[in-house]
Amino acid sequence: MCTNIVYEWLKTLQLPQYAESFVDNGYDDLEVCKQIGDPDLDAIGVAVPHHRRRIHEAVRR
């Protein structure tokens, strides 16, 4: 299990199931996560529309 800042952030979004995929795809820092786009979410495996929306809304804050 990932125990880093990205895991904690995804946990607050109630999406911890994606933590390992985020880190495996190079999203191991919140600054990097701010650059995430739809192709990245595809590569990570975030297919559920409301999960994608939740992530997009969080990085815009």
N, C-alpha and C. Protein backbone atom coordinates (compact mmCIF):
# COMPACT_ATOMS: atom_id res chain seq x y z
N MET A 1 0.86 -1.20 0.00
CA MET A 1 0.00 0.00 0.00
C MET A 1 0.89 1.24 0.00
N CYS A 2 0.48 2.21 -0.77
CA CYS A 2 1.21 3.48 -0.83
C CYS A 2 0.97 4.26 0.46
N THR A 3 2.02 4.80 1.01
CA THR A 3 1.87 5.61 2.23
C THR A 3 2.53 6.96 2.00
N ASN A 4 2.09 7.65 0.97
CA ASN A 4 2.67 8.97 0.70
C ASN A 4 1.58 10.02 0.60
N ILE A 5 1.97 11.21 0.26
CA ILE A 5 1.05 12.34 0.21
C ILE A 5 -0.05 12.14 -0.82
N VAL A 6 0.27 11.48 -1.92
CA VAL A 6 -0.74 11.24 -2.96
C VAL A 6 -1.79 10.27 -2.44
N TYR A 7 -1.35 9.25 -1.71
CA TYR A 7 -2.31 8.31 -1.11
C TYR A 7 -3.23 9.06 -0.15
N GLU A 8 -2.67 9.89 0.70
CA GLU A 8 -3.47 10.64 1.67
C GLU A 8 -4.46 11.56 0.96
N TRP A 9 -4.00 12.21 -0.12
CA TRP A 9 -4.87 13.10 -0.89
C TRP A 9 -6.02 12.31 -1.52
N LEU A 10 -5.70 11.18 -2.14
CA LEU A 10 -6.74 10.35 -2.75
C LEU A 10 -7.70 9.80 -1.69
N LYS A 11 -7.18 9.53 -0.51
CA LYS A 11 -8.03 9.07 0.59
C LYS A 11 -9.04 10.14 0.97
N THR A 12 -8.63 11.41 1.00
CA THR A 12 -9.57 12.48 1.33
C THR A 12 -10.63 12.64 0.25
N LEU A 13 -10.30 12.22 -0.98
CA LEU A 13 -11.28 12.26 -2.08
C LEU A 13 -12.12 10.99 -2.12
N GLN A 14 -11.87 10.08 -1.18
CA GLN A 14 -12.52 8.77 -1.11
C GLN A 14 -12.21 7.95 -2.36
N LEU A 15 -10.96 8.06 -2.84
CA LEU A 15 -10.51 7.32 -4.02
C LEU A 15 -9.15 6.63 -3.78
N PRO A 16 -8.93 6.04 -2.62
CA PRO A 16 -7.61 5.46 -2.34
C PRO A 16 -7.26 4.28 -3.23
N GLN A 17 -8.25 3.70 -3.89
CA GLN A 17 -8.00 2.54 -4.74
C GLN A 17 -7.09 2.87 -5.93
N TYR A 18 -6.94 4.16 -6.24
CA TYR A 18 -6.11 4.56 -7.37
C TYR A 18 -4.68 4.93 -6.97
N ALA A 19 -4.37 4.92 -5.69
CA ALA A 19 -3.07 5.40 -5.21
C ALA A 19 -1.90 4.67 -5.85
N GLU A 20 -1.94 3.37 -5.88
CA GLU A 20 -0.82 2.61 -6.44
C GLU A 20 -0.64 2.93 -7.93
N SER A 21 -1.74 3.04 -8.66
CA SER A 21 -1.65 3.37 -10.09
C SER A 21 -1.13 4.78 -10.31
N PHE A 22 -1.52 5.72 -9.46
CA PHE A 22 -1.00 7.08 -9.57
C PHE A 22 0.52 7.06 -9.44
N VAL A 23 1.01 6.42 -8.39
CA VAL A 23 2.45 6.39 -8.13
C VAL A 23 3.18 5.62 -9.24
N ASP A 24 2.62 4.51 -9.67
CA ASP A 24 3.24 3.72 -10.74
C ASP A 24 3.36 4.50 -12.04
N ASN A 25 2.47 5.48 -12.24
CA ASN A 25 2.49 6.30 -13.45
C ASN A 25 3.20 7.64 -13.25
N GLY A 26 3.93 7.77 -12.16
CA GLY A 26 4.74 8.96 -11.93
C GLY A 26 4.06 10.08 -11.18
N TYR A 27 2.84 9.88 -10.75
CA TYR A 27 2.11 10.91 -10.00
C TYR A 27 2.32 10.67 -8.50
N ASP A 28 3.55 10.98 -8.05
CA ASP A 28 3.91 10.72 -6.67
C ASP A 28 4.08 12.00 -5.86
N ASP A 29 3.61 13.11 -6.41
CA ASP A 29 3.74 14.42 -5.79
C ASP A 29 2.50 15.23 -6.16
N LEU A 30 2.00 16.03 -5.24
CA LEU A 30 0.78 16.80 -5.52
C LEU A 30 0.98 17.83 -6.63
N GLU A 31 2.19 18.38 -6.74
CA GLU A 31 2.45 19.34 -7.82
C GLU A 31 2.33 18.66 -9.18
N VAL A 32 2.79 17.44 -9.27
CA VAL A 32 2.67 16.67 -10.51
C VAL A 32 1.20 16.36 -10.77
N CYS A 33 0.46 16.04 -9.73
CA CYS A 33 -0.96 15.71 -9.88
C CYS A 33 -1.76 16.88 -10.43
N LYS A 34 -1.32 18.10 -10.16
CA LYS A 34 -2.04 19.28 -10.66
C LYS A 34 -2.03 19.35 -12.18
N GLN A 35 -1.11 18.63 -12.83
CA GLN A 35 -0.99 18.64 -14.28
C GLN A 35 -1.79 17.52 -14.94
N ILE A 36 -2.51 16.75 -14.17
CA ILE A 36 -3.18 15.55 -14.69
C ILE A 36 -4.30 15.92 -15.66
N GLY A 37 -4.40 15.15 -16.71
CA GLY A 37 -5.44 15.35 -17.71
C GLY A 37 -6.15 14.05 -18.02
N ASP A 38 -7.10 14.10 -18.93
CA ASP A 38 -7.87 12.91 -19.26
C ASP A 38 -7.02 11.75 -19.79
N PRO A 39 -6.03 12.00 -20.67
CA PRO A 39 -5.20 10.87 -21.11
C PRO A 39 -4.45 10.21 -19.95
N ASP A 40 -4.05 11.02 -18.97
CA ASP A 40 -3.36 10.48 -17.79
C ASP A 40 -4.31 9.62 -16.96
N LEU A 41 -5.53 10.10 -16.79
CA LEU A 41 -6.51 9.32 -16.03
C LEU A 41 -6.81 8.01 -16.74
N ASP A 42 -6.83 8.03 -18.07
CA ASP A 42 -7.01 6.79 -18.83
C ASP A 42 -5.87 5.82 -18.53
N ALA A 43 -4.63 6.32 -18.57
CA ALA A 43 -3.46 5.47 -18.32
C ALA A 43 -3.45 4.91 -16.90
N ILE A 44 -3.92 5.71 -15.96
CA ILE A 44 -3.96 5.29 -14.56
C ILE A 44 -5.07 4.27 -14.32
N GLY A 45 -6.11 4.33 -15.16
CA GLY A 45 -7.22 3.40 -15.02
C GLY A 45 -8.43 3.97 -14.31
N VAL A 46 -8.53 5.29 -14.28
CA VAL A 46 -9.70 5.94 -13.68
C VAL A 46 -10.76 6.06 -14.77
N ALA A 47 -11.69 5.11 -14.79
CA ALA A 47 -12.69 5.06 -15.85
C ALA A 47 -14.06 5.57 -15.41
N VAL A 48 -14.32 5.57 -14.12
CA VAL A 48 -15.62 5.98 -13.60
C VAL A 48 -15.76 7.49 -13.72
N PRO A 49 -16.77 7.96 -14.47
CA PRO A 49 -16.90 9.41 -14.73
C PRO A 49 -16.91 10.28 -13.48
N HIS A 50 -17.63 9.89 -12.43
CA HIS A 50 -17.67 10.77 -11.25
C HIS A 50 -16.35 10.72 -10.47
N HIS A 51 -15.58 9.67 -10.61
CA HIS A 51 -14.24 9.65 -10.00
C HIS A 51 -13.33 10.62 -10.74
N ARG A 52 -13.41 10.61 -12.07
CA ARG A 52 -12.61 11.53 -12.88
C ARG A 52 -12.96 12.98 -12.55
N ARG A 53 -14.25 13.23 -12.44
CA ARG A 53 -14.72 14.59 -12.12
C ARG A 53 -14.21 15.03 -10.74
N ARG A 54 -14.26 14.13 -9.78
CA ARG A 54 -13.79 14.44 -8.42
C ARG A 54 -12.30 14.81 -8.44
N ILE A 55 -11.51 14.08 -9.20
CA ILE A 55 -10.08 14.36 -9.29
C ILE A 55 -9.85 15.70 -9.98
N HIS A 56 -10.55 15.93 -11.11
CA HIS A 56 -10.39 17.21 -11.82
C HIS A 56 -10.76 18.39 -10.93
N GLU A 57 -11.86 18.27 -10.19
CA GLU A 57 -12.28 19.36 -9.30
C GLU A 57 -11.25 19.60 -8.20
N ALA A 58 -10.67 18.54 -7.68
CA ALA A 58 -9.69 18.67 -6.60
C ALA A 58 -8.41 19.34 -7.07
N VAL A 59 -7.95 19.04 -8.28
CA VAL A 59 -6.70 19.65 -8.74
C VAL A 59 -6.89 21.11 -9.14
N ARG A 60 -8.12 21.51 -9.42
CA ARG A 60 -8.39 22.92 -9.74
C ARG A 60 -8.38 23.80 -8.50
N ARG A 61 -8.55 23.22 -7.31
CA ARG A 61 -8.58 24.00 -6.06
C ARG A 61 -7.23 24.51 -5.67
